PDB file of N, CA and C in Angstrom:
ATOM      1  N   MET A   1       0.456  -1.133  -0.317  1.00  0.00           N
ATOM      2  CA  MET A   1       0.206  -0.113   0.034  1.00  0.00           C
ATOM      3  C   MET A   1       0.736   1.001  -0.317  1.00  0.00           C
ATOM      4  N   ALA A   2       1.744   0.844   0.900  1.00  0.00           N
ATOM      5  CA  ALA A   2       2.952   2.544   0.948  1.00  0.00           C
ATOM      6  C   ALA A   2       3.554   2.572  -0.511  1.00  0.00           C
ATOM      7  N   GLY A   3       3.849   1.525  -1.001  1.00  0.00           N
ATOM      8  CA  GLY A   3       4.568   1.271  -2.478  1.00  0.00           C
ATOM      9  C   GLY A   3       4.506   2.420  -3.552  1.00  0.00           C
ATOM     10  N   PRO A   4       3.102   2.298  -4.073  1.00  0.00           N
ATOM     11  CA  PRO A   4       2.479   3.367  -4.846  1.00  0.00           C
ATOM     12  C   PRO A   4       2.580   4.801  -4.210  1.00  0.00           C
ATOM     13  N   VAL A   5       2.291   5.069  -3.336  1.00  0.00           N
ATOM     14  CA  VAL A   5       1.679   6.151  -2.958  1.00  0.00           C
ATOM     15  C   VAL A   5       3.436   7.187  -3.014  1.00  0.00           C
ATOM     16  N   PHE A   6       4.292   6.328  -2.620  1.00  0.00           N
ATOM     17  CA  PHE A   6       5.733   6.555  -2.212  1.00  0.00           C
ATOM     18  C   PHE A   6       5.668   6.594  -3.862  1.00  0.00           C
ATOM     19  N   VAL A   7       6.585   6.180  -4.830  1.00  0.00           N
ATOM     20  CA  VAL A   7       6.610   6.254  -6.384  1.00  0.00           C
ATOM     21  C   VAL A   7       6.129   7.926  -6.734  1.00  0.00           C
ATOM     22  N   PHE A   8       4.149   7.726  -6.440  1.00  0.00           N
ATOM     23  CA  PHE A   8       3.618   9.269  -6.898  1.00  0.00           C
ATOM     24  C   PHE A   8       4.633  10.561  -6.295  1.00  0.00           C
ATOM     25  N   ILE A   9       5.087  10.047  -4.745  1.00  0.00           N
ATOM     26  CA  ILE A   9       5.136  11.613  -4.091  1.00  0.00           C
ATOM     27  C   ILE A   9       6.742  11.529  -4.910  1.00  0.00           C
ATOM     28  N   SER A  10       7.589  10.652  -5.110  1.00  0.00           N
ATOM     29  CA  SER A  10       9.159  10.575  -5.553  1.00  0.00           C
ATOM     30  C   SER A  10       8.888  11.095  -7.263  1.00  0.00           C
ATOM     31  N   LEU A  11       8.069  10.591  -7.617  1.00  0.00           N
ATOM     32  CA  LEU A  11       7.484  11.202  -9.443  1.00  0.00           C
ATOM     33  C   LEU A  11       7.884  12.605  -8.848  1.00  0.00           C
ATOM     34  N   PHE A  12       6.453  13.355  -8.300  1.00  0.00           N
ATOM     35  CA  PHE A  12       6.263  14.662  -8.111  1.00  0.00           C
ATOM     36  C   PHE A  12       7.530  15.406  -7.331  1.00  0.00           C
ATOM     37  N   ILE A  13       8.365  15.032  -6.505  1.00  0.00           N
ATOM     38  CA  ILE A  13       9.127  15.588  -6.095  1.00  0.00           C
ATOM     39  C   ILE A  13      10.051  15.878  -6.962  1.00  0.00           C
ATOM     40  N   VAL A  14      10.560  15.320  -8.157  1.00  0.00           N
ATOM     41  CA  VAL A  14      11.466  14.963  -8.829  1.00  0.00           C
ATOM     42  C   VAL A  14      10.738  15.765 -10.138  1.00  0.00           C
ATOM     43  N   ILE A  15       9.941  16.144 -10.290  1.00  0.00           N
ATOM     44  CA  ILE A  15       9.265  16.398 -11.893  1.00  0.00           C
ATOM     45  C   ILE A  15       9.783  18.507 -10.867  1.00  0.00           C
ATOM     46  N   PHE A  16       9.139  18.255  -9.601  1.00  0.00           N
ATOM     47  CA  PHE A  16       9.118  19.730  -8.922  1.00  0.00           C
ATOM     48  C   PHE A  16      10.577  20.292  -9.093  1.00  0.00           C
ATOM     49  N   GLY A  17      11.789  19.351  -8.382  1.00  0.00           N
ATOM     50  CA  GLY A  17      12.849  19.807  -8.514  1.00  0.00           C
ATOM     51  C   GLY A  17      12.869  19.991  -9.946  1.00  0.00           C
ATOM     52  N   ILE A  18      13.508  19.274 -10.925  1.00  0.00           N
ATOM     53  CA  ILE A  18      13.855  19.711 -12.202  1.00  0.00           C
ATOM     54  C   ILE A  18      13.150  21.718 -13.005  1.00  0.00           C
ATOM     55  N   CYS A  19      11.939  21.302 -12.418  1.00  0.00           N
ATOM     56  CA  CYS A  19      11.311  22.261 -13.209  1.00  0.00           C
ATOM     57  C   CYS A  19      11.890  23.705 -11.865  1.00  0.00           C
ATOM     58  N   TYR A  20      12.596  23.573 -10.654  1.00  0.00           N
ATOM     59  CA  TYR A  20      12.569  24.637 -10.391  1.00  0.00           C
ATOM     60  C   TYR A  20      14.530  25.060 -10.387  1.00  0.00           C
ATOM     61  N   LEU A  21      15.007  24.288 -10.845  1.00  0.00           N
ATOM     62  CA  LEU A  21      16.029  24.225 -11.079  1.00  0.00           C
ATOM     63  C   LEU A  21      16.390  25.144 -12.684  1.00  0.00           C
ATOM     64  N   TYR A  22      15.565  24.627 -13.368  1.00  0.00           N
ATOM     65  CA  TYR A  22      15.900  25.364 -14.543  1.00  0.00           C
ATOM     66  C   TYR A  22      15.170  26.799 -14.111  1.00  0.00           C
ATOM     67  N   PHE A  23      13.738  26.656 -13.806  1.00  0.00           N
ATOM     68  CA  PHE A  23      13.543  28.259 -13.931  1.00  0.00           C
ATOM     69  C   PHE A  23      14.739  29.078 -12.953  1.00  0.00           C
ATOM     70  N   SER A  24      14.582  28.956 -11.713  1.00  0.00           N
ATOM     71  CA  SER A  24      16.182  29.299 -11.173  1.00  0.00           C
ATOM     72  C   SER A  24      16.982  29.581 -12.020  1.00  0.00           C
ATOM     73  N   THR A  25      17.954  29.004 -12.559  1.00  0.00           N
ATOM     74  CA  THR A  25      19.100  28.964 -12.884  1.00  0.00           C
ATOM     75  C   THR A  25      18.840  29.599 -14.092  1.00  0.00           C
ATOM     76  N   ARG A  26      17.497  29.877 -14.960  1.00  0.00           N
ATOM     77  CA  ARG A  26      17.303  30.510 -16.227  1.00  0.00           C
ATOM     78  C   ARG A  26      17.072  32.490 -15.554  1.00  0.00           C
ATOM     79  N   ASN A  27      16.284  32.108 -14.481  1.00  0.00           N
ATOM     80  CA  ASN A  27      16.175  33.534 -13.719  1.00  0.00           C
ATOM     81  C   ASN A  27      17.734  34.393 -13.624  1.00  0.00           C
ATOM     82  N   LYS A  28      18.494  33.574 -13.168  1.00  0.00           N
ATOM     83  CA  LYS A  28      20.048  33.573 -12.348  1.00  0.00           C
ATOM     84  C   LYS A  28      21.198  34.750 -13.330  1.00  0.00           C
ATOM     85  N   GLU A  29      21.027  33.142 -14.379  1.00  0.00           N
ATOM     86  CA  GLU A  29      21.351  33.660 -15.408  1.00  0.00           C
ATOM     87  C   GLU A  29      21.457  34.880 -16.531  1.00  0.00           C
ATOM     88  N   ARG A  30      20.175  35.193 -16.332  1.00  0.00           N
ATOM     89  CA  ARG A  30      19.288  36.117 -17.031  1.00  0.00           C
ATOM     90  C   ARG A  30      19.364  37.491 -16.212  1.00  0.00           C
ATOM     91  N   LEU A  31      19.717  37.483 -14.896  1.00  0.00           N
ATOM     92  CA  LEU A  31      19.608  38.530 -14.057  1.00  0.00           C
ATOM     93  C   LEU A  31      21.446  38.623 -14.244  1.00  0.00           C
ATOM     94  N   ALA A  32      22.114  38.406 -14.346  1.00  0.00           N
ATOM     95  CA  ALA A  32      23.496  38.438 -14.602  1.00  0.00           C
ATOM     96  C   ALA A  32      23.947  39.302 -15.610  1.00  0.00           C
ATOM     97  N   LEU A  33      23.035  38.767 -16.861  1.00  0.00           N
ATOM     98  CA  LEU A  33      23.703  39.487 -18.172  1.00  0.00           C
ATOM     99  C   LEU A  33      23.080  40.789 -17.971  1.00  0.00           C
ATOM    100  N   ILE A  34      22.019  41.138 -17.729  1.00  0.00           N
ATOM    101  CA  ILE A  34      21.841  42.199 -17.091  1.00  0.00           C
ATOM    102  C   ILE A  34      22.234  43.651 -16.625  1.00  0.00           C
ATOM    103  N   GLU A  35      23.120  42.872 -15.691  1.00  0.00           N
ATOM    104  CA  GLU A  35      23.642  43.588 -14.757  1.00  0.00           C
ATOM    105  C   GLU A  35      24.849  43.629 -15.271  1.00  0.00           C
ATOM    106  N   LYS A  36      25.160  43.376 -16.740  1.00  0.00           N
ATOM    107  CA  LYS A  36      26.973  43.178 -17.274  1.00  0.00           C
ATOM    108  C   LYS A  36      26.439  44.401 -18.098  1.00  0.00           C
ATOM    109  N   GLY A  37      24.627  44.403 -18.377  1.00  0.00           N
ATOM    110  CA  GLY A  37      24.541  45.403 -19.386  1.00  0.00           C
ATOM    111  C   GLY A  37      24.222  44.754 -20.843  1.00  0.00           C
ATOM    112  N   ALA A  38      24.137  43.709 -21.033  1.00  0.00           N
ATOM    113  CA  ALA A  38      23.266  43.128 -22.480  1.00  0.00           C
ATOM    114  C   ALA A  38      21.747  43.402 -22.646  1.00  0.00           C
ATOM    115  N   ASP A  39      21.957  43.097 -23.922  1.00  0.00           N
ATOM    116  CA  ASP A  39      20.914  43.549 -24.698  1.00  0.00           C
ATOM    117  C   ASP A  39      19.495  42.338 -24.135  1.00  0.00           C
ATOM    118  N   ALA A  40      18.349  43.220 -24.027  1.00  0.00           N
ATOM    119  CA  ALA A  40      17.810  42.003 -23.636  1.00  0.00           C
ATOM    120  C   ALA A  40      17.025  40.839 -24.790  1.00  0.00           C
ATOM    121  N   SER A  41      17.324  41.463 -26.021  1.00  0.00           N
ATOM    122  CA  SER A  41      17.140  41.176 -27.160  1.00  0.00           C
ATOM    123  C   SER A  41      17.250  39.441 -27.193  1.00  0.00           C
ATOM    124  N   ILE A  42      18.735  39.059 -26.934  1.00  0.00           N
ATOM    125  CA  ILE A  42      19.138  38.036 -26.665  1.00  0.00           C
ATOM    126  C   ILE A  42      18.117  36.850 -26.334  1.00  0.00           C
ATOM    127  N   PHE A  43      17.490  36.685 -25.461  1.00  0.00           N
ATOM    128  CA  PHE A  43      16.381  35.750 -24.485  1.00  0.00           C
ATOM    129  C   PHE A  43      15.516  34.954 -25.769  1.00  0.00           C
ATOM    130  N   VAL A  44      15.256  36.269 -26.570  1.00  0.00           N
ATOM    131  CA  VAL A  44      14.189  35.847 -27.721  1.00  0.00           C
ATOM    132  C   VAL A  44      15.326  35.101 -28.418  1.00  0.00           C
ATOM    133  N   LYS A  45      16.241  35.119 -29.030  1.00  0.00           N
ATOM    134  CA  LYS A  45      17.293  34.741 -30.212  1.00  0.00           C
ATOM    135  C   LYS A  45      16.704  33.859 -31.093  1.00  0.00           C
ATOM    136  N   GLY A  46      15.991  32.630 -30.024  1.00  0.00           N
ATOM    137  CA  GLY A  46      15.790  31.637 -30.742  1.00  0.00           C
ATOM    138  C   GLY A  46      14.589  31.819 -31.717  1.00  0.00           C
ATOM    139  N   LYS A  47      14.156  32.997 -31.745  1.00  0.00           N
ATOM    140  CA  LYS A  47      12.220  33.044 -32.132  1.00  0.00           C
ATOM    141  C   LYS A  47      12.842  33.552 -33.278  1.00  0.00           C
ATOM    142  N   ARG A  48      11.973  33.113 -34.788  1.00  0.00           N
ATOM    143  CA  ARG A  48      12.155  33.492 -36.172  1.00  0.00           C
ATOM    144  C   ARG A  48      11.150  33.935 -36.516  1.00  0.00           C
ATOM    145  N   GLU A  49      11.310  35.176 -37.045  1.00  0.00           N
ATOM    146  CA  GLU A  49       9.926  35.854 -38.023  1.00  0.00           C
ATOM    147  C   GLU A  49       9.663  35.319 -38.866  1.00  0.00           C
ATOM    148  N   HIS A  50       9.924  34.206 -39.621  1.00  0.00           N
ATOM    149  CA  HIS A  50       9.765  33.894 -41.102  1.00  0.00           C
ATOM    150  C   HIS A  50       9.261  32.384 -40.711  1.00  0.00           C
ATOM    151  N   ALA A  51       9.494  31.596 -38.963  1.00  0.00           N
ATOM    152  CA  ALA A  51       9.148  30.372 -38.816  1.00  0.00           C
ATOM    153  C   ALA A  51       7.492  29.714 -39.088  1.00  0.00           C
ATOM    154  N   PRO A  52       7.813  28.682 -39.706  1.00  0.00           N
ATOM    155  CA  PRO A  52       6.076  28.195 -39.928  1.00  0.00           C
ATOM    156  C   PRO A  52       4.952  28.091 -38.734  1.00  0.00           C
ATOM    157  N   PRO A  53       4.000  28.752 -38.115  1.00  0.00           N
ATOM    158  CA  PRO A  53       3.461  28.556 -37.137  1.00  0.00           C
ATOM    159  C   PRO A  53       3.427  27.433 -36.535  1.00  0.00           C
ATOM    160  N   VAL A  54       3.195  26.687 -35.168  1.00  0.00           N
ATOM    161  CA  VAL A  54       2.995  25.442 -34.374  1.00  0.00           C
ATOM    162  C   VAL A  54       1.939  24.906 -35.297  1.00  0.00           C
ATOM    163  N   TRP A  55       0.941  26.068 -34.993  1.00  0.00           N
ATOM    164  CA  TRP A  55      -0.404  24.790 -34.925  1.00  0.00           C
ATOM    165  C   TRP A  55      -0.496  24.352 -36.749  1.00  0.00           C
ATOM    166  N   LYS A  56       0.820  24.944 -37.671  1.00  0.00           N
ATOM    167  CA  LYS A  56       0.529  24.067 -39.117  1.00  0.00           C
ATOM    168  C   LYS A  56       1.591  22.739 -38.343  1.00  0.00           C
ATOM    169  N   ILE A  57       2.454  22.895 -38.040  1.00  0.00           N
ATOM    170  CA  ILE A  57       3.366  21.424 -37.486  1.00  0.00           C
ATOM    171  C   ILE A  57       3.042  20.675 -36.809  1.00  0.00           C
ATOM    172  N   LEU A  58       2.084  21.306 -35.658  1.00  0.00           N
ATOM    173  CA  LEU A  58       1.313  20.430 -34.902  1.00  0.00           C
ATOM    174  C   LEU A  58      -0.142  19.503 -35.470  1.00  0.00           C
ATOM    175  N   ILE A  59      -0.307  20.373 -36.449  1.00  0.00           N
ATOM    176  CA  ILE A  59      -1.739  19.430 -37.016  1.00  0.00           C
ATOM    177  C   ILE A  59      -0.768  18.359 -38.163  1.00  0.00           C
ATOM    178  N   LEU A  60       0.118  18.759 -39.228  1.00  0.00           N
ATOM    179  CA  LEU A  60       0.903  18.223 -39.783  1.00  0.00           C
ATOM    180  C   LEU A  60       1.221  16.813 -39.271  1.00  0.00           C
ATOM    181  N   ASN A  61       2.287  16.832 -38.134  1.00  0.00           N
ATOM    182  CA  ASN A  61       2.278  15.504 -36.883  1.00  0.00           C
ATOM    183  C   ASN A  61       1.372  14.627 -36.875  1.00  0.00           C
ATOM    184  N   LEU A  62       0.485  15.476 -36.129  1.00  0.00           N
ATOM    185  CA  LEU A  62      -0.884  14.839 -35.312  1.00  0.00           C
ATOM    186  C   LEU A  62      -1.610  13.873 -37.074  1.00  0.00           C
ATOM    187  N   ALA A  63      -1.741  14.697 -38.230  1.00  0.00           N
ATOM    188  CA  ALA A  63      -2.388  13.630 -39.280  1.00  0.00           C
ATOM    189  C   ALA A  63      -1.700  12.851 -39.707  1.00  0.00           C
ATOM    190  N   LEU A  64      -0.047  12.416 -39.727  1.00  0.00           N
ATOM    191  CA  LEU A  64       0.607  11.315 -40.306  1.00  0.00           C
ATOM    192  C   LEU A  64       0.919  10.934 -38.909  1.00  0.00           C
ATOM    193  N   LEU A  65       0.668  10.874 -37.773  1.00  0.00           N
ATOM    194  CA  LEU A  65       0.996  10.387 -36.513  1.00  0.00           C
ATOM    195  C   LEU A  65      -0.753   9.230 -36.456  1.00  0.00           C
ATOM    196  N   LEU A  66      -1.981   9.985 -36.894  1.00  0.00           N
ATOM    197  CA  LEU A  66      -3.024   9.083 -37.049  1.00  0.00           C
ATOM    198  C   LEU A  66      -2.877   8.421 -38.550  1.00  0.00           C
ATOM    199  N   MET A  67      -2.718   8.498 -39.618  1.00  0.00           N
ATOM    200  CA  MET A  67      -2.582   7.938 -40.512  1.00  0.00           C
ATOM    201  C   MET A  67      -1.892   7.074 -40.414  1.00  0.00           C
ATOM    202  N   GLY A  68      -0.213   7.078 -40.017  1.00  0.00           N
ATOM    203  CA  GLY A  68       0.975   6.111 -39.814  1.00  0.00           C
ATOM    204  C   GLY A  68      -0.498   4.325 -38.906  1.00  0.00           C
ATOM    205  N   ILE A  69      -1.106   5.496 -37.945  1.00  0.00           N
ATOM    206  CA  ILE A  69      -1.375   3.911 -36.951  1.00  0.00           C
ATOM    207  C   ILE A  69      -2.957   3.549 -37.768  1.00  0.00           C
ATOM    208  N   GLY A  70      -3.022   4.022 -38.695  1.00  0.00           N
ATOM    209  CA  GLY A  70      -4.203   3.496 -39.363  1.00  0.00           C
ATOM    210  C   GLY A  70      -3.891   2.301 -40.640  1.00  0.00           C
ATOM    211  N   ALA A  71      -2.179   3.100 -40.931  1.00  0.00           N
ATOM    212  CA  ALA A  71      -2.021   1.927 -42.133  1.00  0.00           C
ATOM    213  C   ALA A  71      -1.655   0.982 -41.216  1.00  0.00           C
ATOM    214  N   GLY A  72      -0.782   1.133 -40.150  1.00  0.00           N
ATOM    215  CA  GLY A  72      -0.136  -0.007 -39.276  1.00  0.00           C
ATOM    216  C   GLY A  72      -1.404  -1.121 -38.668  1.00  0.00           C
ATOM    217  N   ILE A  73      -2.440  -0.654 -38.271  1.00  0.00           N
ATOM    218  CA  ILE A  73      -3.634  -1.412 -38.095  1.00  0.00           C
ATOM    219  C   ILE A  73      -4.278  -2.265 -39.392  1.00  0.00           C
ATOM    220  N   ILE A  74      -3.955  -1.782 -41.146  1.00  0.00           N
ATOM    221  CA  ILE A  74      -4.421  -2.056 -41.781  1.00  0.00           C
ATOM    222  C   ILE A  74      -3.130  -3.356 -42.546  1.00  0.00           C
ATOM    223  N   ILE A  75      -2.285  -3.054 -42.051  1.00  0.00           N
ATOM    224  CA  ILE A  75      -1.110  -3.420 -42.430  1.00  0.00           C
ATOM    225  C   ILE A  75      -0.755  -5.152 -41.273  1.00  0.00           C
ATOM    226  N   GLY A  76      -1.280  -5.225 -39.945  1.00  0.00           N
ATOM    227  CA  GLY A  76      -1.242  -5.782 -38.923  1.00  0.00           C
ATOM    228  C   GLY A  76      -2.628  -6.696 -39.661  1.00  0.00           C
ATOM    229  N   GLY A  77      -3.609  -5.913 -39.898  1.00  0.00           N
ATOM    230  CA  GLY A  77      -4.430  -7.503 -40.730  1.00  0.00           C
ATOM    231  C   GLY A  77      -4.227  -8.632 -41.939  1.00  0.00           C
ATOM    232  N   VAL A  78      -3.722  -7.617 -42.229  1.00  0.00           N
ATOM    233  CA  VAL A  78      -3.499  -8.144 -43.602  1.00  0.00           C
ATOM    234  C   VAL A  78      -1.906  -9.139 -42.889  1.00  0.00           C
ATOM    235  N   LEU A  79      -1.310  -9.188 -42.369  1.00  0.00           N
ATOM    236  CA  LEU A  79      -0.334  -9.734 -42.101  1.00  0.00           C
ATOM    237  C   LEU A  79      -1.281 -11.171 -41.514  1.00  0.00           C
ATOM    238  N   ARG A  80      -1.583 -10.780 -40.382  1.00  0.00           N
ATOM    239  CA  ARG A  80      -2.550 -11.640 -39.505  1.00  0.00           C
ATOM    240  C   ARG A  80      -3.569 -13.119 -40.680  1.00  0.00           C
ATOM    241  N   SER A  81      -3.842 -12.397 -41.711  1.00  0.00           N
ATOM    242  CA  SER A  81      -5.133 -13.116 -42.661  1.00  0.00           C
ATOM    243  C   SER A  81      -3.809 -14.030 -43.193  1.00  0.00           C
ATOM    244  N   THR A  82      -3.598 -13.255 -43.809  1.00  0.00           N
ATOM    245  CA  THR A  82      -2.477 -14.017 -45.158  1.00  0.00           C
ATOM    246  C   THR A  82      -1.621 -14.533 -44.830  1.00  0.00           C
ATOM    247  N   PHE A  83      -1.012 -14.387 -43.927  1.00  0.00           N
ATOM    248  CA  PHE A  83       0.760 -14.774 -42.850  1.00  0.00           C
ATOM    249  C   PHE A  83       0.218 -16.256 -41.975  1.00  0.00           C
ATOM    250  N   ASN A  84      -0.901 -15.210 -41.044  1.00  0.00           N
ATOM    251  CA  ASN A  84      -1.010 -16.395 -40.244  1.00  0.00           C
ATOM    252  C   ASN A  84       0.103 -15.632 -38.864  1.00  0.00           C
ATOM    253  N   VAL A  85       0.093 -15.009 -39.171  1.00  0.00           N
ATOM    254  CA  VAL A  85       1.112 -14.455 -37.704  1.00  0.00           C
ATOM    255  C   VAL A  85       0.214 -13.720 -36.525  1.00  0.00           C
ATOM    256  N   GLN A  86       0.760 -14.095 -35.522  1.00  0.00           N
ATOM    257  CA  GLN A  86       0.157 -13.608 -34.150  1.00  0.00           C
ATOM    258  C   GLN A  86      -0.392 -12.253 -34.241  1.00  0.00           C
ATOM    259  N   TRP A  87      -2.024 -12.160 -33.515  1.00  0.00           N
ATOM    260  CA  TRP A  87      -2.709 -11.218 -33.309  1.00  0.00           C
ATOM    261  C   TRP A  87      -1.901 -10.177 -32.600  1.00  0.00           C
ATOM    262  N   ASP A  88      -0.948 -10.168 -31.352  1.00  0.00           N
ATOM    263  CA  ASP A  88      -0.903  -8.745 -31.085  1.00  0.00           C
ATOM    264  C   ASP A  88       0.448  -8.806 -31.481  1.00  0.00           C
ATOM    265  N   VAL A  89       1.129  -9.673 -32.102  1.00  0.00           N
ATOM    266  CA  VAL A  89       2.739  -9.204 -32.675  1.00  0.00           C
ATOM    267  C   VAL A  89       2.216  -9.035 -33.905  1.00  0.00           C
ATOM    268  N   ALA A  90       1.483  -8.826 -34.954  1.00  0.00           N
ATOM    269  CA  ALA A  90       1.647  -8.213 -36.641  1.00  0.00           C
ATOM    270  C   ALA A  90       0.140  -6.626 -35.952  1.00  0.00           C
ATOM    271  N   THR A  91      -0.196  -6.838 -35.176  1.00  0.00           N
ATOM    272  CA  THR A  91      -1.504  -5.690 -34.806  1.00  0.00           C
ATOM    273  C   THR A  91      -0.295  -4.571 -34.489  1.00  0.00           C
ATOM    274  N   PHE A  92       0.193  -4.705 -33.065  1.00  0.00           N
ATOM    275  CA  PHE A  92       0.783  -3.989 -32.423  1.00  0.00           C
ATOM    276  C   PHE A  92       2.125  -3.727 -33.040  1.00  0.00           C
ATOM    277  N   GLY A  93       2.869  -4.419 -33.803  1.00  0.00           N
ATOM    278  CA  GLY A  93       4.356  -4.044 -33.960  1.00  0.00           C
ATOM    279  C   GLY A  93       4.142  -3.574 -35.560  1.00  0.00           C
ATOM    280  N   SER A  94       2.966  -3.840 -36.127  1.00  0.00           N
ATOM    281  CA  SER A  94       2.986  -2.700 -37.328  1.00  0.00           C
ATOM    282  C   SER A  94       2.274  -1.429 -37.275  1.00  0.00           C
ATOM    283  N   ILE A  95       1.716  -1.395 -36.114  1.00  0.00           N
ATOM    284  CA  ILE A  95       1.332   0.216 -35.746  1.00  0.00           C
ATOM    285  C   ILE A  95       1.996   1.316 -35.049  1.00  0.00           C
ATOM    286  N   PHE A  96       2.926   0.547 -34.313  1.00  0.00           N
ATOM    287  CA  PHE A  96       4.318   1.612 -33.731  1.00  0.00           C
ATOM    288  C   PHE A  96       5.217   1.745 -34.796  1.00  0.00           C
ATOM    289  N   LEU A  97       5.386   0.671 -35.729  1.00  0.00           N
ATOM    290  CA  LEU A  97       6.082   0.498 -36.650  1.00  0.00           C
ATOM    291  C   LEU A  97       5.700   1.692 -38.147  1.00  0.00           C
ATOM    292  N   MET A  98       4.915   1.833 -38.242  1.00  0.00           N
ATOM    293  CA  MET A  98       3.711   2.974 -39.501  1.00  0.00           C
ATOM    294  C   MET A  98       4.253   4.311 -38.379  1.00  0.00           C
ATOM    295  N   ALA A  99       3.672   3.939 -37.273  1.00  0.00           N
ATOM    296  CA  ALA A  99       2.912   5.399 -36.353  1.00  0.00           C
ATOM    297  C   ALA A  99       4.557   5.745 -36.222  1.00  0.00           C
ATOM    298  N   GLY A 100       5.587   5.852 -36.257  1.00  0.00           N
ATOM    299  CA  GLY A 100       7.215   6.224 -35.992  1.00  0.00           C
ATOM    300  C   GLY A 100       7.565   6.396 -37.687  1.00  0.00           C
ATOM    301  N   THR A 101       7.381   5.501 -38.484  1.00  0.00           N
ATOM    302  CA  THR A 101       7.336   6.223 -39.722  1.00  0.00           C
ATOM    303  C   THR A 101       6.838   7.374 -40.292  1.00  0.00           C
ATOM    304  N   GLY A 102       5.361   7.413 -39.926  1.00  0.00           N
ATOM    305  CA  GLY A 102       4.853   8.669 -39.843  1.00  0.00           C
ATOM    306  C   GLY A 102       5.461   9.852 -39.408  1.00  0.00           C
ATOM    307  N   LEU A 103       5.630   9.806 -38.159  1.00  0.00           N
ATOM    308  CA  LEU A 103       6.558  10.697 -37.182  1.00  0.00           C
ATOM    309  C   LEU A 103       8.076  11.123 -38.016  1.00  0.00           C
ATOM    310  N   LEU A 104       8.279  10.604 -38.456  1.00  0.00           N
ATOM    311  CA  LEU A 104       9.805  10.803 -39.124  1.00  0.00           C
ATOM    312  C   LEU A 104       9.743  11.246 -40.127  1.00  0.00           C
ATOM    313  N   ILE A 105       8.712  11.135 -41.438  1.00  0.00           N
ATOM    314  CA  ILE A 105       8.184  11.604 -42.312  1.00  0.00           C
ATOM    315  C   ILE A 105       7.701  13.614 -42.454  1.00  0.00           C
ATOM    316  N   GLY A 106       7.433  13.195 -40.700  1.00  0.00           N
ATOM    317  CA  GLY A 106       6.558  14.686 -40.866  1.00  0.00           C
ATOM    318  C   GLY A 106       7.622  15.649 -40.368  1.00  0.00           C
ATOM    319  N   PHE A 107       8.480  14.586 -39.222  1.00  0.00           N
ATOM    320  CA  PHE A 107       9.482  15.160 -39.188  1.00  0.00           C
ATOM    321  C   PHE A 107      10.921  15.950 -40.117  1.00  0.00           C
ATOM    322  N   PHE A 108      10.870  15.341 -41.815  1.00  0.00           N
ATOM    323  CA  PHE A 108      11.718  15.904 -42.046  1.00  0.00           C
ATOM    324  C   PHE A 108      10.865  17.274 -43.825  1.00  0.00           C
ATOM    325  N   LEU A 109       9.222  16.585 -43.127  1.00  0.00           N
ATOM    326  CA  LEU A 109       8.477  17.832 -43.824  1.00  0.00           C
ATOM    327  C   LEU A 109       8.670  19.327 -43.374  1.00  0.00           C
ATOM    328  N   THR A 110       8.157  18.823 -41.878  1.00  0.00           N
ATOM    329  CA  THR A 110       8.385  20.195 -40.769  1.00  0.00           C
ATOM    330  C   THR A 110      10.047  20.720 -41.570  1.00  0.00           C
ATOM    331  N   LYS A 111      11.351  19.989 -41.361  1.00  0.00           N
ATOM    332  CA  LYS A 111      12.553  20.778 -41.711  1.00  0.00           C
ATOM    333  C   LYS A 111      12.071  21.173 -43.663  1.00  0.00           C
ATOM    334  N   LYS A 112      11.227  20.747 -43.752  1.00  0.00           N
ATOM    335  CA  LYS A 112      11.437  21.389 -45.441  1.00  0.00           C
ATOM    336  C   LYS A 112      10.859  22.680 -45.224  1.00  0.00           C
ATOM    337  N   MET A 113       9.627  22.544 -44.317  1.00  0.00           N
ATOM    338  CA  MET A 113       8.956  23.519 -44.555  1.00  0.00           C
ATOM    339  C   MET A 113       9.990  24.879 -43.654  1.00  0.00           C
ATOM    340  N   ASP A 114      10.491  24.407 -42.766  1.00  0.00           N
ATOM    341  CA  ASP A 114      11.294  25.629 -42.169  1.00  0.00           C
ATOM    342  C   ASP A 114      12.097  26.359 -42.880  1.00  0.00           C
ATOM    343  N   LYS A 115      12.700  25.636 -44.263  1.00  0.00           N
ATOM    344  CA  LYS A 115      13.948  25.644 -44.791  1.00  0.00           C
ATOM    345  C   LYS A 115      13.109  26.955 -45.835  1.00  0.00           C
ATOM    346  N   GLU A 116      11.821  26.322 -46.471  1.00  0.00           N
ATOM    347  CA  GLU A 116      10.949  27.242 -47.068  1.00  0.00           C
ATOM    348  C   GLU A 116      10.524  28.371 -46.601  1.00  0.00           C
ATOM    349  N   GLU A 117       9.919  29.082 -45.794  1.00  0.00           N
ATOM    350  CA  GLU A 117       9.580  29.797 -45.079  1.00  0.00           C
ATOM    351  C   GLU A 117      10.794  30.747 -44.350  1.00  0.00           C
ATOM    352  N   SER A 118      12.429  30.356 -44.266  1.00  0.00           N
ATOM    353  CA  SER A 118      13.030  31.075 -44.115  1.00  0.00           C
ATOM    354  C   SER A 118      13.776  31.811 -45.604  1.00  0.00           C
TER     355      SER A 118
END
């Protein structure tokens, strides 16, 4: 009974500690740069003006992920009926394989879209 409670409390403490260290360190670095007279524009240096909107990238990757899952279900059914592969191996293996392929294609399309916008 105490085991699962301990795990959840430990997980919460770890997540809180990581977030606290990240934000406190970032704040200290920024304060040190401001004290030295650095320009405040360096804090938003990573953002580009002509980058594609985030919603386009999310929709593209979500669509390719869902298409990959659908294709994995179809391929799993074909493997099951044609080659008599076990149901769980055929279905879950092909779902994960095709979902990963869809996300990989989404990564390359996003990279291509980012180059076109620049």
